[in-house]
Each structure stands twice: as C-alpha cells, then as structure tokens.
C-alpha atoms as a PDB file:
ATOM      1  CA  MET A   1     163.747  88.859 -68.733  1.00  0.00           C
ATOM      2  CA  LEU A   2     165.351  85.349 -70.358  1.00  0.00           C
ATOM      3  CA  ARG A   3     162.311  83.213 -69.256  1.00  0.00           C
ATOM      4  CA  GLU A   4     160.036  85.720 -70.558  1.00  0.00           C
ATOM      5  CA  LEU A   5     162.036  85.929 -74.004  1.00  0.00           C
ATOM      6  CA  VAL A   6     162.057  82.234 -74.656  1.00  0.00           C
ATOM      7  CA  LYS A   7     158.573  81.917 -74.008  1.00  0.00           C
ATOM      8  CA  ARG A   8     157.752  84.680 -76.450  1.00  0.00           C
ATOM      9  CA  TRP A   9     160.343  83.384 -78.948  1.00  0.00           C
ATOM     10  CA  THR A  10     158.618  80.126 -78.714  1.00  0.00           C
ATOM     11  CA  ASN A  11     155.212  81.409 -79.305  1.00  0.00           C
ATOM     12  CA  HIS A  12     156.100  83.397 -82.032  1.00  0.00           C
ATOM     13  CA  LYS A  13     157.869  80.247 -84.058  1.00  0.00           C
ATOM     14  CA  VAL A  14     154.447  78.723 -82.915  1.00  0.00           C
ATOM     15  CA  MET A  15     152.464  81.194 -84.952  1.00  0.00           C
ATOM     16  CA  VAL A  16     154.589  81.833 -88.019  1.00  0.00           C
ATOM     17  CA  ARG A  17     154.409  77.967 -88.290  1.00  0.00           C
ATOM     18  CA  TRP A  18     150.981  78.171 -88.463  1.00  0.00           C
ATOM     19  CA  LEU A  19     150.689  81.067 -90.377  1.00  0.00           C
ATOM     20  CA  SER A  20     152.757  79.591 -93.110  1.00  0.00           C
ATOM     21  CA  ARG A  21     150.398  76.474 -92.900  1.00  0.00           C
ATOM     22  CA  PHE A  22     147.484  78.540 -93.604  1.00  0.00           C
ATOM     23  CA  PHE A  23     148.931  80.758 -96.227  1.00  0.00           C
ATOM     24  CA  HIS A  24     150.979  77.766 -98.015  1.00  0.00           C
ATOM     25  CA  TYR A  25     148.966  78.374-101.254  1.00  0.00           C
ATOM     26  CA  LEU A  26     149.984  82.061-101.784  1.00  0.00           C
ATOM     27  CA  ASP A  27     153.539  81.318 -99.769  1.00  0.00           C
ATOM     28  CA  ARG A  28     154.331  78.574-102.535  1.00  0.00           C
ATOM     29  CA  TYR A  29     152.734  80.085-105.841  1.00  0.00           C
ATOM     30  CA  PHE A  30     151.655  83.952-105.192  1.00  0.00           C
ATOM     31  CA  ILE A  31     154.907  84.870-103.405  1.00  0.00           C
ATOM     32  CA  ALA A  32     157.317  82.736-105.328  1.00  0.00           C
ATOM     33  CA  ARG A  33     156.348  84.444-108.588  1.00  0.00           C
ATOM     34  CA  ARG A  34     156.831  88.123-107.348  1.00  0.00           C
ATOM     35  CA  SER A  35     160.539  87.360-105.647  1.00  0.00           C
ATOM     36  CA  LEU A  36     159.244  88.085-102.493  1.00  0.00           C
ATOM     37  CA  PRO A  37     160.717  86.568 -99.311  1.00  0.00           C
ATOM     38  CA  PRO A  38     158.659  83.530 -97.597  1.00  0.00           C
ATOM     39  CA  LEU A  39     156.296  84.133 -94.864  1.00  0.00           C
ATOM     40  CA  ASN A  40     159.237  82.321 -92.577  1.00  0.00           C
ATOM     41  CA  GLU A  41     161.756  84.476 -93.348  1.00  0.00           C
ATOM     42  CA  VAL A  42     159.146  87.552 -92.730  1.00  0.00           C
ATOM     43  CA  GLY A  43     158.104  86.287 -89.595  1.00  0.00           C
ATOM     44  CA  LEU A  44     161.887  86.049 -88.499  1.00  0.00           C
ATOM     45  CA  ALA A  45     162.828  89.169 -89.587  1.00  0.00           C
ATOM     46  CA  CYS A  46     160.052  90.720 -87.749  1.00  0.00           C
ATOM     47  CA  PHE A  47     160.674  89.281 -84.478  1.00  0.00           C
ATOM     48  CA  ARG A  48     164.467  90.165 -84.888  1.00  0.00           C
ATOM     49  CA  GLU A  49     163.447  94.083 -85.845  1.00  0.00           C
ATOM     50  CA  LEU A  50     160.633  94.539 -83.426  1.00  0.00           C
ATOM     51  CA  VAL A  51     162.367  92.320 -80.200  1.00  0.00           C
ATOM     52  CA  TYR A  52     165.889  91.323 -80.782  1.00  0.00           C
ATOM     53  CA  GLN A  53     167.237  94.509 -81.880  1.00  0.00           C
ATOM     54  CA  GLU A  54     165.897  95.884 -78.656  1.00  0.00           C
ATOM     55  CA  LEU A  55     166.885  93.388 -76.302  1.00  0.00           C
ATOM     56  CA  ASN A  56     169.863  91.656 -77.390  1.00  0.00           C
ATOM     57  CA  ALA A  57     172.837  94.047 -75.650  1.00  0.00           C
ATOM     58  CA  LYS A  58     170.483  93.454 -72.207  1.00  0.00           C
ATOM     59  CA  VAL A  59     169.857  89.739 -72.932  1.00  0.00           C
ATOM     60  CA  ARG A  60     173.633  89.178 -73.572  1.00  0.00           C
ATOM     61  CA  ASP A  61     174.403  90.988 -70.311  1.00  0.00           C
ATOM     62  CA  ALA A  62     172.172  88.617 -68.495  1.00  0.00           C
ATOM     63  CA  VAL A  63     173.430  85.253 -70.099  1.00  0.00           C
ATOM     64  CA  ILE A  64     177.004  86.758 -69.241  1.00  0.00           C
ATOM     65  CA  SER A  65     176.055  86.994 -65.882  1.00  0.00           C
ATOM     66  CA  LEU A  66     174.731  83.666 -65.569  1.00  0.00           C
ATOM     67  CA  ILE A  67     177.903  82.143 -66.840  1.00  0.00           C
ATOM     68  CA  ASP A  68     179.819  84.205 -64.346  1.00  0.00           C
ATOM     69  CA  GLN A  69     177.598  83.046 -61.724  1.00  0.00           C
ATOM     70  CA  GLU A  70     178.176  79.238 -62.796  1.00  0.00           C
ATOM     71  CA  ARG A  71     182.087  79.660 -62.823  1.00  0.00           C
ATOM     72  CA  GLU A  72     182.040  81.024 -59.311  1.00  0.00           C
ATOM     73  CA  GLY A  73     180.245  77.687 -58.343  1.00  0.00           C
ATOM     74  CA  GLU A  74     176.306  78.968 -58.341  1.00  0.00           C
ATOM     75  CA  GLN A  75     173.527  76.299 -59.642  1.00  0.00           C
ATOM     76  CA  ILE A  76     171.843  78.133 -62.885  1.00  0.00           C
ATOM     77  CA  ASP A  77     169.093  77.115 -65.182  1.00  0.00           C
ATOM     78  CA  ARG A  78     171.268  75.653 -68.099  1.00  0.00           C
ATOM     79  CA  ALA A  79     168.228  74.545 -70.298  1.00  0.00           C
ATOM     80  CA  LEU A  80     167.332  78.404 -69.873  1.00  0.00           C
ATOM     81  CA  LEU A  81     170.881  79.358 -71.027  1.00  0.00           C
ATOM     82  CA  LYS A  82     170.602  76.782 -73.778  1.00  0.00           C
ATOM     83  CA  ASN A  83     167.285  78.268 -75.401  1.00  0.00           C
ATOM     84  CA  VAL A  84     168.165  81.756 -74.957  1.00  0.00           C
ATOM     85  CA  LEU A  85     171.838  81.070 -77.031  1.00  0.00           C
ATOM     86  CA  ASP A  86     169.533  78.989 -79.215  1.00  0.00           C
ATOM     87  CA  ILE A  87     167.811  82.088 -79.896  1.00  0.00           C
ATOM     88  CA  PHE A  88     171.004  83.831 -80.886  1.00  0.00           C
ATOM     89  CA  VAL A  89     171.802  81.071 -83.559  1.00  0.00           C
ATOM     90  CA  GLU A  90     168.270  80.949 -84.908  1.00  0.00           C
ATOM     91  CA  ILE A  91     167.569  84.648 -85.265  1.00  0.00           C
ATOM     92  CA  GLY A  92     170.233  84.297 -88.173  1.00  0.00           C
ATOM     93  CA  ILE A  93     168.350  81.765 -90.188  1.00  0.00           C
ATOM     94  CA  GLY A  94     171.173  79.656 -90.854  1.00  0.00           C
ATOM     95  CA  GLN A  95     174.086  82.212 -90.530  1.00  0.00           C
ATOM     96  CA  MET A  96     175.867  82.243 -87.127  1.00  0.00           C
ATOM     97  CA  ASP A  97     176.503  86.042 -87.802  1.00  0.00           C
ATOM     98  CA  TYR A  98     174.416  87.302 -85.131  1.00  0.00           C
ATOM     99  CA  TYR A  99     175.485  84.458 -82.438  1.00  0.00           C
ATOM    100  CA  GLU A 100     179.181  85.428 -83.196  1.00  0.00           C
ATOM    101  CA  ASN A 101     178.925  89.291 -83.409  1.00  0.00           C
ATOM    102  CA  ASP A 102     176.173  90.024 -80.893  1.00  0.00           C
ATOM    103  CA  PHE A 103     177.264  87.252 -78.106  1.00  0.00           C
ATOM    104  CA  GLU A 104     180.535  85.222 -78.914  1.00  0.00           C
ATOM    105  CA  THR A 105     182.484  88.363 -78.911  1.00  0.00           C
ATOM    106  CA  THR A 106     181.636  89.628 -75.556  1.00  0.00           C
ATOM    107  CA  MET A 107     181.560  86.549 -73.939  1.00  0.00           C
ATOM    108  CA  LEU A 108     184.892  85.517 -75.115  1.00  0.00           C
ATOM    109  CA  ASN A 109     186.366  89.117 -74.135  1.00  0.00           C
ATOM    110  CA  ASP A 110     184.622  88.322 -70.569  1.00  0.00           C
ATOM    111  CA  THR A 111     186.145  85.067 -70.358  1.00  0.00           C
ATOM    112  CA  ALA A 112     189.699  86.159 -71.102  1.00  0.00           C
ATOM    113  CA  ALA A 113     189.129  89.033 -68.556  1.00  0.00           C
ATOM    114  CA  TYR A 114     187.605  86.627 -65.853  1.00  0.00           C
ATOM    115  CA  TYR A 115     190.632  84.472 -66.331  1.00  0.00           C
ATOM    116  CA  SER A 116     193.273  87.032 -65.922  1.00  0.00           C
ATOM    117  CA  ARG A 117     191.808  88.043 -62.978  1.00  0.00           C
ATOM    118  CA  LYS A 118     191.701  84.326 -61.576  1.00  0.00           C
ATOM    119  CA  ALA A 119     195.154  84.062 -62.704  1.00  0.00           C
ATOM    120  CA  ALA A 120     196.527  87.067 -61.126  1.00  0.00           C
ATOM    121  CA  ASN A 121     194.946  86.041 -57.894  1.00  0.00           C
ATOM    122  CA  TRP A 122     196.190  82.623 -57.936  1.00  0.00           C
ATOM    123  CA  ILE A 123     200.028  83.644 -59.040  1.00  0.00           C
ATOM    124  CA  VAL A 124     199.758  85.935 -55.932  1.00  0.00           C
ATOM    125  CA  ASP A 125     198.339  83.416 -53.353  1.00  0.00           C
ATOM    126  CA  ASP A 126     199.430  79.749 -54.477  1.00  0.00           C
ATOM    127  CA  SER A 127     202.689  77.881 -54.932  1.00  0.00           C
ATOM    128  CA  CYS A 128     203.992  77.147 -58.206  1.00  0.00           C
ATOM    129  CA  PRO A 129     202.584  73.343 -58.576  1.00  0.00           C
ATOM    130  CA  ASP A 130     199.038  74.758 -57.080  1.00  0.00           C
ATOM    131  CA  TYR A 131     198.976  77.369 -59.510  1.00  0.00           C
ATOM    132  CA  MET A 132     200.081  74.949 -62.416  1.00  0.00           C
ATOM    133  CA  LEU A 133     197.533  72.772 -61.240  1.00  0.00           C
ATOM    134  CA  LYS A 134     194.866  75.272 -61.537  1.00  0.00           C
ATOM    135  CA  VAL A 135     195.633  76.391 -65.049  1.00  0.00           C
ATOM    136  CA  LEU A 136     195.765  72.811 -66.134  1.00  0.00           C
ATOM    137  CA  ILE A 137     192.576  72.519 -64.794  1.00  0.00           C
ATOM    138  CA  ILE A 138     191.198  75.352 -66.533  1.00  0.00           C
ATOM    139  CA  TYR A 139     192.756  74.410 -69.944  1.00  0.00           C
ATOM    140  CA  ASP A 140     191.221  71.008 -69.835  1.00  0.00           C
ATOM    141  CA  TYR A 141     187.923  72.438 -68.786  1.00  0.00           C
ATOM    142  CA  THR A 142     188.121  75.006 -72.151  1.00  0.00           C
ATOM    143  CA  ALA A 143     189.679  72.496 -74.116  1.00  0.00           C
ATOM    144  CA  ILE A 144     186.401  69.987 -73.737  1.00  0.00           C
ATOM    145  CA  TYR A 145     183.787  72.919 -73.953  1.00  0.00           C
ATOM    146  CA  PHE A 146     184.730  74.577 -76.528  1.00  0.00           C
ATOM    147  CA  SER A 147     186.122  72.172 -78.972  1.00  0.00           C
ATOM    148  CA  PRO A 148     184.960  72.079 -82.460  1.00  0.00           C
ATOM    149  CA  PHE A 149     185.008  68.690 -82.537  1.00  0.00           C
ATOM    150  CA  LYS A 150     182.424  68.076 -79.696  1.00  0.00           C
END
C-alpha cells in the first residue's frame, strides 16, 4: 500500500506540474484577477481530499508498524519510509499541521508506550548497571535522531 501511495503521489505531482506549465498564462493572469487559488494549490487540495483523507489513518498505522519492526532489529525500506513521511509534510503546502496532527502525535505516543514496555521488561530482567546502560543508549539514540539541530 505504501509503495502504491508513493507512486501515485509522485505521478500526481508530475501531472500538476505539467498542468501548471500548460495553463501558466491562465494561472498567472486570469486566476490572479479573480482571486482564485493557483492551480498547484487546487491540485494538492484534490489529492488531499480524495486520497489523503481516506488513507491517512491506514498509512500512519503502516508507518508506525515499519518503525516498530526496525526497533525490533528487522531491516526495513528506509527510502519508502522517508517518501511516505514526505507526503505528510508536502500535503500541508508549507505548513507542518498535517504531519504533526496526523502522524507525529500518534508516533510519539506509540514510542512512549513501546519504551515503557521495554523498560518494564528490562527492570525485571536486568541488573541495575545493565538497566542504566540500556537507558543511556536509548537516551543517546533519541537525542541524536530527534534533535531539532540535526
């Protein structure tokens, strides 16, 4: 499903780009005089309403599932994951609202639940020094990958 979504998103962007070029004169003069939204924005809004709104919950769950698989040591397609997350960002037309509301909040909650379960198991199974070492490793990992300065 994720590969198909990325393929269709890419095709949609190409189609909107070519339509914008084809109707450049109308988009620049006629649409501007009538105070209508530009063709690029209309194209993104169509994809958002017809595809994104229908699939965003399923896509979010699939992405979180991929992240969970990687946390467990499995190999995942990181390029696919990046492309799907780019859709969440690009669909907002310069705003991060869709990414934050439709993905980030759920992902952070899932991450907190995952590491709470892990920590509960570690504290039962491991000695105090081993537990502290694992916690420091996770802290370093999150500080590196979720730093706003990267």
